[in-house]
Each structure stands twice: as C-alpha cells, then as structure tokens.
Amino acid sequence: QARGQQVKKILGIEIMPEAIKGAKENAALNNSICQFIAEDVK
C-alpha cells in the first residue's frame, strides 16, 4: 500500500482457529485487505 501497489489478494491459511481469530482481529485493527481462513493446507 505504501508503494501504491494494488494487490489482488493476500490470503493467510492456518489450521489453528485461535490463531486465525487473532489474525482477523489484527486485519481489522490495521484496516487491511488481508483475508484469513482456518483450514488444513491439504
């Protein structure tokens, strides 16, 4: 964002639901475009 780049998507994947809950809170805290899902990579 600081470089003026328009990113299509940044997606975080983590199997631990508690970690993803924290990630979503941090995304909201920073008004970020990042999305997060609690899922097994497989």
PDB file of all heavy atoms in Angstrom:
ATOM      1  N   GLN A   1       0.836  -1.204   0.000  1.00  0.00           N
ATOM      2  CA  GLN A   1       0.000   0.000   0.000  1.00  0.00           C
ATOM      3  C   GLN A   1       0.873   1.256   0.000  1.00  0.00           C
ATOM      4  O   GLN A   1       0.588   2.225  -0.721  1.00  0.00           O
ATOM      5  CB  GLN A   1      -0.915  -0.001   1.230  1.00  0.00           C
ATOM      6  CG  GLN A   1      -1.874   1.180   1.271  1.00  0.00           C
ATOM      7  CD  GLN A   1      -2.783   1.134   2.497  1.00  0.00           C
ATOM      8  OE1 GLN A   1      -2.514   0.433   3.463  1.00  0.00           O
ATOM      9  NE2 GLN A   1      -3.869   1.879   2.442  1.00  0.00           N
ATOM     10  N   ALA A   2       1.956   1.221   0.791  1.00  0.00           N
ATOM     11  CA  ALA A   2       2.854   2.373   0.849  1.00  0.00           C
ATOM     12  C   ALA A   2       3.516   2.635  -0.501  1.00  0.00           C
ATOM     13  O   ALA A   2       3.862   3.783  -0.824  1.00  0.00           O
ATOM     14  CB  ALA A   2       3.921   2.148   1.919  1.00  0.00           C
ATOM     15  N   ARG A   3       3.684   1.586  -1.308  1.00  0.00           N
ATOM     16  CA  ARG A   3       4.304   1.727  -2.627  1.00  0.00           C
ATOM     17  C   ARG A   3       3.285   1.982  -3.731  1.00  0.00           C
ATOM     18  O   ARG A   3       3.642   2.068  -4.907  1.00  0.00           O
ATOM     19  CB  ARG A   3       5.089   0.457  -2.957  1.00  0.00           C
ATOM     20  CG  ARG A   3       6.273   0.194  -2.033  1.00  0.00           C
ATOM     21  CD  ARG A   3       6.815  -1.196  -2.231  1.00  0.00           C
ATOM     22  NE  ARG A   3       7.895  -1.480  -1.290  1.00  0.00           N
ATOM     23  CZ  ARG A   3       8.375  -2.699  -1.050  1.00  0.00           C
ATOM     24  NH1 ARG A   3       7.863  -3.739  -1.693  1.00  0.00           N
ATOM     25  NH2 ARG A   3       9.347  -2.883  -0.179  1.00  0.00           N
ATOM     26  N   GLY A   4       2.011   2.084  -3.347  1.00  0.00           N
ATOM     27  CA  GLY A   4       0.966   2.351  -4.329  1.00  0.00           C
ATOM     28  C   GLY A   4       0.607   1.147  -5.180  1.00  0.00           C
ATOM     29  O   GLY A   4       0.046   1.295  -6.266  1.00  0.00           O
ATOM     30  N   GLN A   5       0.907  -0.057  -4.695  1.00  0.00           N
ATOM     31  CA  GLN A   5       0.607  -1.284  -5.445  1.00  0.00           C
ATOM     32  C   GLN A   5      -0.790  -1.785  -5.108  1.00  0.00           C
ATOM     33  O   GLN A   5      -1.177  -1.824  -3.936  1.00  0.00           O
ATOM     34  CB  GLN A   5       1.641  -2.370  -5.121  1.00  0.00           C
ATOM     35  CG  GLN A   5       3.061  -2.008  -5.517  1.00  0.00           C
ATOM     36  CD  GLN A   5       4.083  -2.989  -4.982  1.00  0.00           C
ATOM     37  OE1 GLN A   5       3.751  -3.979  -4.350  1.00  0.00           O
ATOM     38  NE2 GLN A   5       5.357  -2.705  -5.250  1.00  0.00           N
ATOM     39  N   GLN A   6      -1.530  -2.166  -6.134  1.00  0.00           N
ATOM     40  CA  GLN A   6      -2.863  -2.721  -5.954  1.00  0.00           C
ATOM     41  C   GLN A   6      -2.756  -4.258  -5.955  1.00  0.00           C
ATOM     42  O   GLN A   6      -2.620  -4.880  -7.000  1.00  0.00           O
ATOM     43  CB  GLN A   6      -3.792  -2.257  -7.066  1.00  0.00           C
ATOM     44  CG  GLN A   6      -4.006  -0.751  -7.111  1.00  0.00           C
ATOM     45  CD  GLN A   6      -4.731  -0.244  -5.863  1.00  0.00           C
ATOM     46  OE1 GLN A   6      -5.696  -0.850  -5.400  1.00  0.00           O
ATOM     47  NE2 GLN A   6      -4.261   0.880  -5.341  1.00  0.00           N
ATOM     48  N   VAL A   7      -2.795  -4.842  -4.771  1.00  0.00           N
ATOM     49  CA  VAL A   7      -2.657  -6.295  -4.642  1.00  0.00           C
ATOM     50  C   VAL A   7      -4.010  -6.947  -4.903  1.00  0.00           C
ATOM     51  O   VAL A   7      -5.051  -6.474  -4.425  1.00  0.00           O
ATOM     52  CB  VAL A   7      -2.164  -6.671  -3.223  1.00  0.00           C
ATOM     53  CG1 VAL A   7      -1.932  -8.176  -3.130  1.00  0.00           C
ATOM     54  CG2 VAL A   7      -0.893  -5.912  -2.884  1.00  0.00           C
ATOM     55  N   LYS A   8      -4.002  -8.030  -5.658  1.00  0.00           N
ATOM     56  CA  LYS A   8      -5.252  -8.726  -5.939  1.00  0.00           C
ATOM     57  C   LYS A   8      -5.792  -9.391  -4.674  1.00  0.00           C
ATOM     58  O   LYS A   8      -6.960  -9.226  -4.323  1.00  0.00           O
ATOM     59  CB  LYS A   8      -5.051  -9.766  -7.038  1.00  0.00           C
ATOM     60  CG  LYS A   8      -6.341 -10.482  -7.446  1.00  0.00           C
ATOM     61  CD  LYS A   8      -6.093 -11.455  -8.589  1.00  0.00           C
ATOM     62  CE  LYS A   8      -7.395 -12.150  -8.991  1.00  0.00           C
ATOM     63  NZ  LYS A   8      -7.169 -13.121 -10.092  1.00  0.00           N
ATOM     64  N   LYS A   9      -4.943 -10.153  -3.995  1.00  0.00           N
ATOM     65  CA  LYS A   9      -5.398 -10.823  -2.766  1.00  0.00           C
ATOM     66  C   LYS A   9      -4.185 -11.255  -1.945  1.00  0.00           C
ATOM     67  O   LYS A   9      -3.177 -11.710  -2.489  1.00  0.00           O
ATOM     68  CB  LYS A   9      -6.250 -12.050  -3.090  1.00  0.00           C
ATOM     69  CG  LYS A   9      -6.664 -12.858  -1.842  1.00  0.00           C
ATOM     70  CD  LYS A   9      -7.479 -14.094  -2.185  1.00  0.00           C
ATOM     71  CE  LYS A   9      -8.924 -13.727  -2.440  1.00  0.00           C
ATOM     72  NZ  LYS A   9      -9.783 -14.952  -2.523  1.00  0.00           N
ATOM     73  N   ILE A  10      -4.307 -11.106  -0.617  1.00  0.00           N
ATOM     74  CA  ILE A  10      -3.370 -11.718   0.319  1.00  0.00           C
ATOM     75  C   ILE A  10      -4.202 -12.591   1.252  1.00  0.00           C
ATOM     76  O   ILE A  10      -5.067 -12.089   1.977  1.00  0.00           O
ATOM     77  CB  ILE A  10      -2.576 -10.666   1.117  1.00  0.00           C
ATOM     78  CG1 ILE A  10      -1.647  -9.881   0.184  1.00  0.00           C
ATOM     79  CG2 ILE A  10      -1.754 -11.342   2.218  1.00  0.00           C
ATOM     80  CD1 ILE A  10      -0.810  -8.840   0.876  1.00  0.00           C
ATOM     81  N   LEU A  11      -3.938 -13.888   1.212  1.00  0.00           N
ATOM     82  CA  LEU A  11      -4.723 -14.851   1.984  1.00  0.00           C
ATOM     83  C   LEU A  11      -3.823 -15.624   2.930  1.00  0.00           C
ATOM     84  O   LEU A  11      -2.847 -16.251   2.507  1.00  0.00           O
ATOM     85  CB  LEU A  11      -5.437 -15.830   1.051  1.00  0.00           C
ATOM     86  CG  LEU A  11      -6.261 -16.937   1.727  1.00  0.00           C
ATOM     87  CD1 LEU A  11      -7.454 -16.337   2.473  1.00  0.00           C
ATOM     88  CD2 LEU A  11      -6.728 -17.966   0.701  1.00  0.00           C
ATOM     89  N   GLY A  12      -4.143 -15.571   4.215  1.00  0.00           N
ATOM     90  CA  GLY A  12      -3.419 -16.348   5.211  1.00  0.00           C
ATOM     91  C   GLY A  12      -4.167 -17.625   5.534  1.00  0.00           C
ATOM     92  O   GLY A  12      -5.389 -17.597   5.735  1.00  0.00           O
ATOM     93  N   ILE A  13      -3.433 -18.747   5.596  1.00  0.00           N
ATOM     94  CA  ILE A  13      -4.036 -20.044   5.886  1.00  0.00           C
ATOM     95  C   ILE A  13      -3.321 -20.655   7.085  1.00  0.00           C
ATOM     96  O   ILE A  13      -2.093 -20.734   7.117  1.00  0.00           O
ATOM     97  CB  ILE A  13      -3.940 -20.992   4.665  1.00  0.00           C
ATOM     98  CG1 ILE A  13      -4.562 -20.341   3.435  1.00  0.00           C
ATOM     99  CG2 ILE A  13      -4.622 -22.330   4.968  1.00  0.00           C
ATOM    100  CD1 ILE A  13      -4.358 -21.136   2.158  1.00  0.00           C
ATOM    101  N   GLU A  14      -4.098 -21.067   8.056  1.00  0.00           N
ATOM    102  CA  GLU A  14      -3.555 -21.619   9.305  1.00  0.00           C
ATOM    103  C   GLU A  14      -4.571 -22.609   9.855  1.00  0.00           C
ATOM    104  O   GLU A  14      -5.772 -22.342   9.847  1.00  0.00           O
ATOM    105  CB  GLU A  14      -3.288 -20.478  10.295  1.00  0.00           C
ATOM    106  CG  GLU A  14      -3.031 -20.877  11.719  1.00  0.00           C
ATOM    107  CD  GLU A  14      -1.705 -21.602  11.905  1.00  0.00           C
ATOM    108  OE1 GLU A  14      -0.663 -21.029  11.534  1.00  0.00           O
ATOM    109  OE2 GLU A  14      -1.737 -22.729  12.412  1.00  0.00           O
ATOM    110  N   ILE A  15      -4.097 -23.736  10.360  1.00  0.00           N
ATOM    111  CA  ILE A  15      -5.008 -24.778  10.826  1.00  0.00           C
ATOM    112  C   ILE A  15      -5.582 -24.469  12.209  1.00  0.00           C
ATOM    113  O   ILE A  15      -6.632 -24.990  12.581  1.00  0.00           O
ATOM    114  CB  ILE A  15      -4.304 -26.156  10.832  1.00  0.00           C
ATOM    115  CG1 ILE A  15      -5.341 -27.288  10.888  1.00  0.00           C
ATOM    116  CG2 ILE A  15      -3.300 -26.253  11.982  1.00  0.00           C
ATOM    117  CD1 ILE A  15      -4.764 -28.663  10.641  1.00  0.00           C
ATOM    118  N   MET A  16      -4.928 -23.583  12.978  1.00  0.00           N
ATOM    119  CA  MET A  16      -5.368 -23.295  14.337  1.00  0.00           C
ATOM    120  C   MET A  16      -6.416 -22.183  14.334  1.00  0.00           C
ATOM    121  O   MET A  16      -6.113 -21.027  14.010  1.00  0.00           O
ATOM    122  CB  MET A  16      -4.177 -22.879  15.207  1.00  0.00           C
ATOM    123  CG  MET A  16      -3.092 -23.939  15.303  1.00  0.00           C
ATOM    124  SD  MET A  16      -3.690 -25.455  16.088  1.00  0.00           S
ATOM    125  CE  MET A  16      -3.984 -24.866  17.745  1.00  0.00           C
ATOM    126  N   PRO A  17      -7.664 -22.484  14.721  1.00  0.00           N
ATOM    127  CA  PRO A  17      -8.732 -21.474  14.716  1.00  0.00           C
ATOM    128  C   PRO A  17      -8.423 -20.258  15.584  1.00  0.00           C
ATOM    129  O   PRO A  17      -8.753 -19.124  15.213  1.00  0.00           O
ATOM    130  CB  PRO A  17      -9.955 -22.232  15.245  1.00  0.00           C
ATOM    131  CG  PRO A  17      -9.664 -23.674  14.946  1.00  0.00           C
ATOM    132  CD  PRO A  17      -8.184 -23.816  15.101  1.00  0.00           C
ATOM    133  N   GLU A  18      -7.783 -20.473  16.747  1.00  0.00           N
ATOM    134  CA  GLU A  18      -7.483 -19.349  17.635  1.00  0.00           C
ATOM    135  C   GLU A  18      -6.514 -18.372  16.982  1.00  0.00           C
ATOM    136  O   GLU A  18      -6.620 -17.155  17.159  1.00  0.00           O
ATOM    137  CB  GLU A  18      -6.906 -19.862  18.960  1.00  0.00           C
ATOM    138  CG  GLU A  18      -7.954 -20.436  19.905  1.00  0.00           C
ATOM    139  CD  GLU A  18      -9.027 -19.413  20.262  1.00  0.00           C
ATOM    140  OE1 GLU A  18      -8.665 -18.285  20.653  1.00  0.00           O
ATOM    141  OE2 GLU A  18     -10.228 -19.722  20.136  1.00  0.00           O
ATOM    142  N   ALA A  19      -5.545 -18.920  16.234  1.00  0.00           N
ATOM    143  CA  ALA A  19      -4.594 -18.049  15.542  1.00  0.00           C
ATOM    144  C   ALA A  19      -5.296 -17.229  14.465  1.00  0.00           C
ATOM    145  O   ALA A  19      -5.032 -16.027  14.303  1.00  0.00           O
ATOM    146  CB  ALA A  19      -3.475 -18.886  14.928  1.00  0.00           C
ATOM    147  N   ILE A  20      -6.204 -17.868  13.732  1.00  0.00           N
ATOM    148  CA  ILE A  20      -6.936 -17.157  12.674  1.00  0.00           C
ATOM    149  C   ILE A  20      -7.845 -16.087  13.270  1.00  0.00           C
ATOM    150  O   ILE A  20      -7.999 -14.995  12.713  1.00  0.00           O
ATOM    151  CB  ILE A  20      -7.740 -18.145  11.814  1.00  0.00           C
ATOM    152  CG1 ILE A  20      -6.783 -18.975  10.966  1.00  0.00           C
ATOM    153  CG2 ILE A  20      -8.744 -17.431  10.926  1.00  0.00           C
ATOM    154  CD1 ILE A  20      -5.933 -18.166  10.004  1.00  0.00           C
ATOM    155  N   LYS A  21      -8.431 -16.379  14.424  1.00  0.00           N
ATOM    156  CA  LYS A  21      -9.232 -15.362  15.105  1.00  0.00           C
ATOM    157  C   LYS A  21      -8.373 -14.130  15.389  1.00  0.00           C
ATOM    158  O   LYS A  21      -8.788 -12.989  15.147  1.00  0.00           O
ATOM    159  CB  LYS A  21      -9.800 -15.925  16.413  1.00  0.00           C
ATOM    160  CG  LYS A  21     -10.602 -14.915  17.209  1.00  0.00           C
ATOM    161  CD  LYS A  21     -11.048 -15.501  18.551  1.00  0.00           C
ATOM    162  CE  LYS A  21     -11.769 -14.444  19.392  1.00  0.00           C
ATOM    163  NZ  LYS A  21     -12.143 -14.958  20.731  1.00  0.00           N
ATOM    164  N   GLY A  22      -7.139 -14.359  15.878  1.00  0.00           N
ATOM    165  CA  GLY A  22      -6.225 -13.255  16.140  1.00  0.00           C
ATOM    166  C   GLY A  22      -5.818 -12.534  14.866  1.00  0.00           C
ATOM    167  O   GLY A  22      -5.692 -11.304  14.844  1.00  0.00           O
ATOM    168  N   ALA A  23      -5.616 -13.298  13.784  1.00  0.00           N
ATOM    169  CA  ALA A  23      -5.232 -12.691  12.505  1.00  0.00           C
ATOM    170  C   ALA A  23      -6.328 -11.765  11.994  1.00  0.00           C
ATOM    171  O   ALA A  23      -6.059 -10.667  11.489  1.00  0.00           O
ATOM    172  CB  ALA A  23      -4.930 -13.785  11.481  1.00  0.00           C
ATOM    173  N   LYS A  24      -7.575 -12.209  12.104  1.00  0.00           N
ATOM    174  CA  LYS A  24      -8.694 -11.378  11.645  1.00  0.00           C
ATOM    175  C   LYS A  24      -8.811 -10.112  12.491  1.00  0.00           C
ATOM    176  O   LYS A  24      -9.112  -9.022  11.963  1.00  0.00           O
ATOM    177  CB  LYS A  24      -9.992 -12.187  11.693  1.00  0.00           C
ATOM    178  CG  LYS A  24     -10.064 -13.282  10.630  1.00  0.00           C
ATOM    179  CD  LYS A  24     -11.356 -14.069  10.726  1.00  0.00           C
ATOM    180  CE  LYS A  24     -11.451 -15.109   9.612  1.00  0.00           C
ATOM    181  NZ  LYS A  24     -12.699 -15.908   9.699  1.00  0.00           N
ATOM    182  N   GLU A  25      -8.579 -10.229  13.783  1.00  0.00           N
ATOM    183  CA  GLU A  25      -8.605  -9.044  14.646  1.00  0.00           C
ATOM    184  C   GLU A  25      -7.502  -8.060  14.241  1.00  0.00           C
ATOM    185  O   GLU A  25      -7.715  -6.841  14.217  1.00  0.00           O
ATOM    186  CB  GLU A  25      -8.443  -9.459  16.106  1.00  0.00           C
ATOM    187  CG  GLU A  25      -9.652 -10.188  16.688  1.00  0.00           C
ATOM    188  CD  GLU A  25      -9.425 -10.617  18.123  1.00  0.00           C
ATOM    189  OE1 GLU A  25      -8.268 -10.535  18.589  1.00  0.00           O
ATOM    190  OE2 GLU A  25     -10.407 -11.040  18.776  1.00  0.00           O
ATOM    191  N   ASN A  26      -6.322  -8.601  13.920  1.00  0.00           N
ATOM    192  CA  ASN A  26      -5.218  -7.734  13.504  1.00  0.00           C
ATOM    193  C   ASN A  26      -5.493  -7.084  12.156  1.00  0.00           C
ATOM    194  O   ASN A  26      -5.100  -5.944  11.913  1.00  0.00           O
ATOM    195  CB  ASN A  26      -3.915  -8.532  13.455  1.00  0.00           C
ATOM    196  CG  ASN A  26      -3.344  -8.778  14.846  1.00  0.00           C
ATOM    197  OD1 ASN A  26      -3.462  -7.936  15.725  1.00  0.00           O
ATOM    198  ND2 ASN A  26      -2.730  -9.931  15.044  1.00  0.00           N
ATOM    199  N   ALA A  27      -6.172  -7.804  11.264  1.00  0.00           N
ATOM    200  CA  ALA A  27      -6.536  -7.216   9.972  1.00  0.00           C
ATOM    201  C   ALA A  27      -7.500  -6.054  10.168  1.00  0.00           C
ATOM    202  O   ALA A  27      -7.363  -4.992   9.546  1.00  0.00           O
ATOM    203  CB  ALA A  27      -7.163  -8.284   9.072  1.00  0.00           C
ATOM    204  N   ALA A  28      -8.476  -6.237  11.073  1.00  0.00           N
ATOM    205  CA  ALA A  28      -9.433  -5.170  11.358  1.00  0.00           C
ATOM    206  C   ALA A  28      -8.740  -3.992  12.047  1.00  0.00           C
ATOM    207  O   ALA A  28      -9.045  -2.823  11.761  1.00  0.00           O
ATOM    208  CB  ALA A  28     -10.562  -5.710  12.238  1.00  0.00           C
ATOM    209  N   LEU A  29      -7.795  -4.313  12.927  1.00  0.00           N
ATOM    210  CA  LEU A  29      -7.066  -3.285  13.663  1.00  0.00           C
ATOM    211  C   LEU A  29      -6.300  -2.364  12.715  1.00  0.00           C
ATOM    212  O   LEU A  29      -6.161  -1.163  12.966  1.00  0.00           O
ATOM    213  CB  LEU A  29      -6.095  -3.956  14.651  1.00  0.00           C
ATOM    214  CG  LEU A  29      -5.317  -3.072  15.616  1.00  0.00           C
ATOM    215  CD1 LEU A  29      -6.274  -2.384  16.589  1.00  0.00           C
ATOM    216  CD2 LEU A  29      -4.296  -3.908  16.382  1.00  0.00           C
ATOM    217  N   ASN A  30      -5.811  -2.942  11.596  1.00  0.00           N
ATOM    218  CA  ASN A  30      -4.998  -2.179  10.652  1.00  0.00           C
ATOM    219  C   ASN A  30      -5.748  -1.819   9.372  1.00  0.00           C
ATOM    220  O   ASN A  30      -5.135  -1.318   8.421  1.00  0.00           O
ATOM    221  CB  ASN A  30      -3.743  -2.981  10.303  1.00  0.00           C
ATOM    222  CG  ASN A  30      -2.792  -3.102  11.468  1.00  0.00           C
ATOM    223  OD1 ASN A  30      -2.028  -2.198  11.758  1.00  0.00           O
ATOM    224  ND2 ASN A  30      -2.850  -4.230  12.165  1.00  0.00           N
ATOM    225  N   ASN A  31      -7.069  -2.103   9.347  1.00  0.00           N
ATOM    226  CA  ASN A  31      -7.872  -1.827   8.160  1.00  0.00           C
ATOM    227  C   ASN A  31      -7.213  -2.420   6.916  1.00  0.00           C
ATOM    228  O   ASN A  31      -7.060  -1.773   5.875  1.00  0.00           O
ATOM    229  CB  ASN A  31      -8.063  -0.314   7.996  1.00  0.00           C
ATOM    230  CG  ASN A  31      -9.149   0.027   6.990  1.00  0.00           C
ATOM    231  OD1 ASN A  31     -10.080  -0.751   6.777  1.00  0.00           O
ATOM    232  ND2 ASN A  31      -9.031   1.180   6.366  1.00  0.00           N
ATOM    233  N   SER A  32      -6.797  -3.693   7.039  1.00  0.00           N
ATOM    234  CA  SER A  32      -6.004  -4.336   5.996  1.00  0.00           C
ATOM    235  C   SER A  32      -6.875  -5.101   5.006  1.00  0.00           C
ATOM    236  O   SER A  32      -7.975  -5.568   5.331  1.00  0.00           O
ATOM    237  CB  SER A  32      -4.997  -5.303   6.639  1.00  0.00           C
ATOM    238  OG  SER A  32      -4.285  -6.024   5.669  1.00  0.00           O
ATOM    239  N   ILE A  33      -6.341  -5.285   3.786  1.00  0.00           N
ATOM    240  CA  ILE A  33      -7.027  -6.076   2.766  1.00  0.00           C
ATOM    241  C   ILE A  33      -6.859  -7.572   2.993  1.00  0.00           C
ATOM    242  O   ILE A  33      -7.499  -8.381   2.326  1.00  0.00           O
ATOM    243  CB  ILE A  33      -6.485  -5.737   1.364  1.00  0.00           C
ATOM    244  CG1 ILE A  33      -5.005  -6.145   1.249  1.00  0.00           C
ATOM    245  CG2 ILE A  33      -6.680  -4.267   1.039  1.00  0.00           C
ATOM    246  CD1 ILE A  33      -4.465  -6.158  -0.156  1.00  0.00           C
ATOM    247  N   CYS A  34      -6.002  -7.965   3.921  1.00  0.00           N
ATOM    248  CA  CYS A  34      -5.696  -9.385   4.126  1.00  0.00           C
ATOM    249  C   CYS A  34      -6.943 -10.164   4.550  1.00  0.00           C
ATOM    250  O   CYS A  34      -7.778  -9.671   5.323  1.00  0.00           O
ATOM    251  CB  CYS A  34      -4.626  -9.553   5.195  1.00  0.00           C
ATOM    252  SG  CYS A  34      -2.997  -9.011   4.682  1.00  0.00           S
ATOM    253  N   GLN A  35      -7.025 -11.387   4.048  1.00  0.00           N
ATOM    254  CA  GLN A  35      -8.081 -12.318   4.446  1.00  0.00           C
ATOM    255  C   GLN A  35      -7.428 -13.547   5.079  1.00  0.00           C
ATOM    256  O   GLN A  35      -6.298 -13.900   4.731  1.00  0.00           O
ATOM    257  CB  GLN A  35      -8.907 -12.731   3.228  1.00  0.00           C
ATOM    258  CG  GLN A  35      -9.548 -11.572   2.487  1.00  0.00           C
ATOM    259  CD  GLN A  35     -10.191 -12.015   1.192  1.00  0.00           C
ATOM    260  OE1 GLN A  35     -10.746 -13.114   1.094  1.00  0.00           O
ATOM    261  NE2 GLN A  35     -10.140 -11.169   0.171  1.00  0.00           N
ATOM    262  N   PHE A  36      -8.164 -14.193   5.980  1.00  0.00           N
ATOM    263  CA  PHE A  36      -7.603 -15.340   6.688  1.00  0.00           C
ATOM    264  C   PHE A  36      -8.647 -16.443   6.819  1.00  0.00           C
ATOM    265  O   PHE A  36      -9.830 -16.159   7.050  1.00  0.00           O
ATOM    266  CB  PHE A  36      -7.112 -14.929   8.081  1.00  0.00           C
ATOM    267  CG  PHE A  36      -6.021 -13.893   8.048  1.00  0.00           C
ATOM    268  CD1 PHE A  36      -6.316 -12.540   8.193  1.00  0.00           C
ATOM    269  CD2 PHE A  36      -4.708 -14.263   7.855  1.00  0.00           C
ATOM    270  CE1 PHE A  36      -5.314 -11.583   8.149  1.00  0.00           C
ATOM    271  CE2 PHE A  36      -3.691 -13.320   7.811  1.00  0.00           C
ATOM    272  CZ  PHE A  36      -4.002 -11.975   7.957  1.00  0.00           C
ATOM    273  N   ILE A  37      -8.182 -17.691   6.673  1.00  0.00           N
ATOM    274  CA  ILE A  37      -9.079 -18.832   6.868  1.00  0.00           C
ATOM    275  C   ILE A  37      -8.397 -19.879   7.737  1.00  0.00           C
ATOM    276  O   ILE A  37      -7.182 -20.092   7.650  1.00  0.00           O
ATOM    277  CB  ILE A  37      -9.510 -19.461   5.519  1.00  0.00           C
ATOM    278  CG1 ILE A  37      -8.292 -19.942   4.721  1.00  0.00           C
ATOM    279  CG2 ILE A  37     -10.347 -18.494   4.710  1.00  0.00           C
ATOM    280  CD1 ILE A  37      -8.660 -20.760   3.489  1.00  0.00           C
ATOM    281  N   ALA A  38      -9.198 -20.508   8.592  1.00  0.00           N
ATOM    282  CA  ALA A  38      -8.711 -21.621   9.407  1.00  0.00           C
ATOM    283  C   ALA A  38      -8.966 -22.912   8.632  1.00  0.00           C
ATOM    284  O   ALA A  38     -10.109 -23.362   8.525  1.00  0.00           O
ATOM    285  CB  ALA A  38      -9.432 -21.645  10.756  1.00  0.00           C
ATOM    286  N   GLU A  39      -7.906 -23.466   8.064  1.00  0.00           N
ATOM    287  CA  GLU A  39      -8.073 -24.628   7.203  1.00  0.00           C
ATOM    288  C   GLU A  39      -6.762 -25.396   7.107  1.00  0.00           C
ATOM    289  O   GLU A  39      -5.676 -24.812   7.210  1.00  0.00           O
ATOM    290  CB  GLU A  39      -8.511 -24.176   5.804  1.00  0.00           C
ATOM    291  CG  GLU A  39      -8.883 -25.291   4.849  1.00  0.00           C
ATOM    292  CD  GLU A  39     -10.106 -26.055   5.305  1.00  0.00           C
ATOM    293  OE1 GLU A  39      -9.904 -27.032   6.052  1.00  0.00           O
ATOM    294  OE2 GLU A  39     -11.232 -25.673   4.927  1.00  0.00           O
ATOM    295  N   ASP A  40      -6.859 -26.690   6.924  1.00  0.00           N
ATOM    296  CA  ASP A  40      -5.690 -27.506   6.622  1.00  0.00           C
ATOM    297  C   ASP A  40      -5.277 -27.204   5.181  1.00  0.00           C
ATOM    298  O   ASP A  40      -6.124 -27.156   4.281  1.00  0.00           O
ATOM    299  CB  ASP A  40      -6.048 -28.990   6.777  1.00  0.00           C
ATOM    300  CG  ASP A  40      -4.824 -29.890   6.721  1.00  0.00           C
ATOM    301  OD1 ASP A  40      -3.890 -29.571   5.964  1.00  0.00           O
ATOM    302  OD2 ASP A  40      -4.808 -30.918   7.421  1.00  0.00           O
ATOM    303  N   VAL A  41      -3.975 -26.991   4.956  1.00  0.00           N
ATOM    304  CA  VAL A  41      -3.491 -26.663   3.615  1.00  0.00           C
ATOM    305  C   VAL A  41      -3.892 -27.742   2.611  1.00  0.00           C
ATOM    306  O   VAL A  41      -4.222 -27.437   1.459  1.00  0.00           O
ATOM    307  CB  VAL A  41      -1.960 -26.473   3.628  1.00  0.00           C
ATOM    308  CG1 VAL A  41      -1.414 -26.336   2.208  1.00  0.00           C
ATOM    309  CG2 VAL A  41      -1.580 -25.247   4.449  1.00  0.00           C
ATOM    310  N   LYS A  42      -3.892 -28.992   3.043  1.00  0.00           N
ATOM    311  CA  LYS A  42      -4.258 -30.098   2.143  1.00  0.00           C
ATOM    312  C   LYS A  42      -5.684 -29.951   1.625  1.00  0.00           C
ATOM    313  O   LYS A  42      -5.989 -30.332   0.489  1.00  0.00           O
ATOM    314  CB  LYS A  42      -4.107 -31.439   2.873  1.00  0.00           C
ATOM    315  CG  LYS A  42      -2.680 -31.835   3.155  1.00  0.00           C
ATOM    316  CD  LYS A  42      -2.611 -33.224   3.753  1.00  0.00           C
ATOM    317  CE  LYS A  42      -3.262 -33.273   5.123  1.00  0.00           C
ATOM    318  NZ  LYS A  42      -3.101 -34.598   5.773  1.00  0.00           N
TER     319      LYS A  42
END
